[in-house]
Amino acid sequence: MIRVLLANNFIMDHYISPTKTAFTLGAFIGGWHLVWSILIALGLAQPLIDFILWAHMISLPWVVKPFDLTASATLIVVTWVVGCVFGYIFAKIWNRMHR
């Protein structure tokens, strides 16, 4: 196994845990969509989208729909699962490449 000696004499393996990576990426992506759902529920999503599009000099007719708990829960769960899958696959590929 390849090891890297860092400046503070800490030895770090190149192995990363597929399970921890899966849950970390799942939590990040699911959490990102949780924040988006909260912004929608608070009525702040449309002004945010309008600002982002204005700042990028883009004009699109995007309209944020009213908050829907079922759609929000589905979005958060699906993105969490997708994040977990991609995190797990990434860690497996990483570990395979750093044998």
Protein backbone atom coordinates (compact mmCIF):
# COMPACT_ATOMS: atom_id res chain seq x y z
CA MET A 1 0.00 0.00 0.00
CA ILE A 2 1.29 3.44 -0.89
CA ARG A 3 1.84 5.83 2.02
CA VAL A 4 2.42 9.55 1.95
CA LEU A 5 4.53 11.34 4.56
CA LEU A 6 3.01 14.75 5.24
CA ALA A 7 4.86 17.78 6.59
CA ASN A 8 3.70 17.17 10.16
CA ASN A 9 5.00 13.56 10.08
CA PHE A 10 1.48 12.14 9.81
CA ILE A 11 1.29 8.99 7.70
CA MET A 12 -1.82 8.77 5.51
CA ASP A 13 -2.92 5.68 3.63
CA HIS A 14 -4.43 6.16 0.21
CA TYR A 15 -7.27 3.78 1.17
CA ILE A 16 -10.62 5.44 1.73
CA SER A 17 -13.60 3.67 3.24
CA PRO A 18 -16.32 3.07 0.64
CA THR A 19 -19.01 3.13 3.33
CA LYS A 20 -17.82 6.38 4.92
CA THR A 21 -17.35 7.99 1.51
CA ALA A 22 -20.83 6.86 0.46
CA PHE A 23 -22.49 8.29 3.55
CA THR A 24 -20.45 11.50 3.38
CA LEU A 25 -21.33 12.23 -0.24
CA GLY A 26 -24.94 11.15 0.37
CA ALA A 27 -25.19 13.49 3.36
CA PHE A 28 -23.67 16.37 1.39
CA ILE A 29 -25.92 16.03 -1.65
CA GLY A 30 -29.02 15.16 0.38
CA GLY A 31 -28.25 18.04 2.75
CA TRP A 32 -27.86 20.43 -0.17
CA HIS A 33 -31.36 19.49 -1.32
CA LEU A 34 -32.69 19.75 2.24
CA VAL A 35 -31.47 23.36 2.25
CA TRP A 36 -33.14 23.91 -1.14
CA SER A 37 -36.43 22.52 0.24
CA ILE A 38 -36.19 24.83 3.24
CA LEU A 39 -35.61 27.80 0.93
CA ILE A 40 -38.73 26.83 -1.03
CA ALA A 41 -40.78 26.45 2.17
CA LEU A 42 -39.63 29.89 3.36
CA GLY A 43 -40.40 31.49 -0.01
CA LEU A 44 -36.74 32.39 -0.63
CA ALA A 45 -36.01 30.03 -3.54
CA GLN A 46 -37.47 32.15 -6.35
CA PRO A 47 -35.56 35.32 -5.38
CA LEU A 48 -32.38 33.24 -5.11
CA ILE A 49 -32.90 31.71 -8.58
CA ASP A 50 -33.72 35.15 -9.99
CA PHE A 51 -30.52 36.58 -8.49
CA ILE A 52 -28.33 33.72 -9.74
CA LEU A 53 -29.72 34.01 -13.26
CA TRP A 54 -29.37 37.82 -13.21
CA ALA A 55 -25.76 37.59 -11.97
CA HIS A 56 -24.94 35.17 -14.80
CA MET A 57 -26.74 37.41 -17.31
CA ILE A 58 -29.19 34.63 -18.18
CA SER A 59 -32.88 35.05 -18.82
CA LEU A 60 -34.96 31.89 -18.37
CA PRO A 61 -38.63 31.56 -17.45
CA TRP A 62 -38.01 29.35 -14.40
CA VAL A 63 -40.70 29.45 -11.75
CA VAL A 64 -40.33 27.75 -8.38
CA LYS A 65 -43.54 25.92 -7.48
CA PRO A 66 -45.13 26.05 -4.01
CA PHE A 67 -43.67 23.77 -1.34
CA ASP A 68 -44.83 20.13 -1.50
CA LEU A 69 -43.78 17.91 1.42
CA THR A 70 -43.99 14.68 -0.60
CA ALA A 71 -41.91 16.08 -3.46
CA SER A 72 -39.41 17.51 -0.98
CA ALA A 73 -38.99 14.23 0.91
CA THR A 74 -38.65 12.34 -2.37
CA LEU A 75 -36.01 14.78 -3.62
CA ILE A 76 -33.97 14.52 -0.42
CA VAL A 77 -34.12 10.72 -0.20
CA VAL A 78 -33.38 10.15 -3.90
CA THR A 79 -30.43 12.55 -3.93
CA TRP A 80 -29.10 10.99 -0.71
CA VAL A 81 -29.25 7.52 -2.30
CA VAL A 82 -27.63 8.74 -5.53
CA GLY A 83 -24.90 10.45 -3.48
CA CYS A 84 -24.29 7.24 -1.54
CA VAL A 85 -24.05 5.19 -4.73
CA PHE A 86 -21.63 7.61 -6.38
CA GLY A 87 -19.57 7.94 -3.18
CA TYR A 88 -19.28 4.17 -2.86
CA ILE A 89 -18.32 3.73 -6.53
CA PHE A 90 -15.79 6.56 -6.28
CA ALA A 91 -14.12 5.02 -3.21
CA LYS A 92 -13.96 1.57 -4.83
CA ILE A 93 -12.35 3.03 -7.97
CA TRP A 94 -9.98 5.15 -5.87
CA ASN A 95 -8.86 2.17 -3.79
CA ARG A 96 -8.41 0.04 -6.90
CA MET A 97 -6.20 2.69 -8.50
CA HIS A 98 -4.06 3.10 -5.35
CA ARG A 99 -3.17 -0.50 -4.64
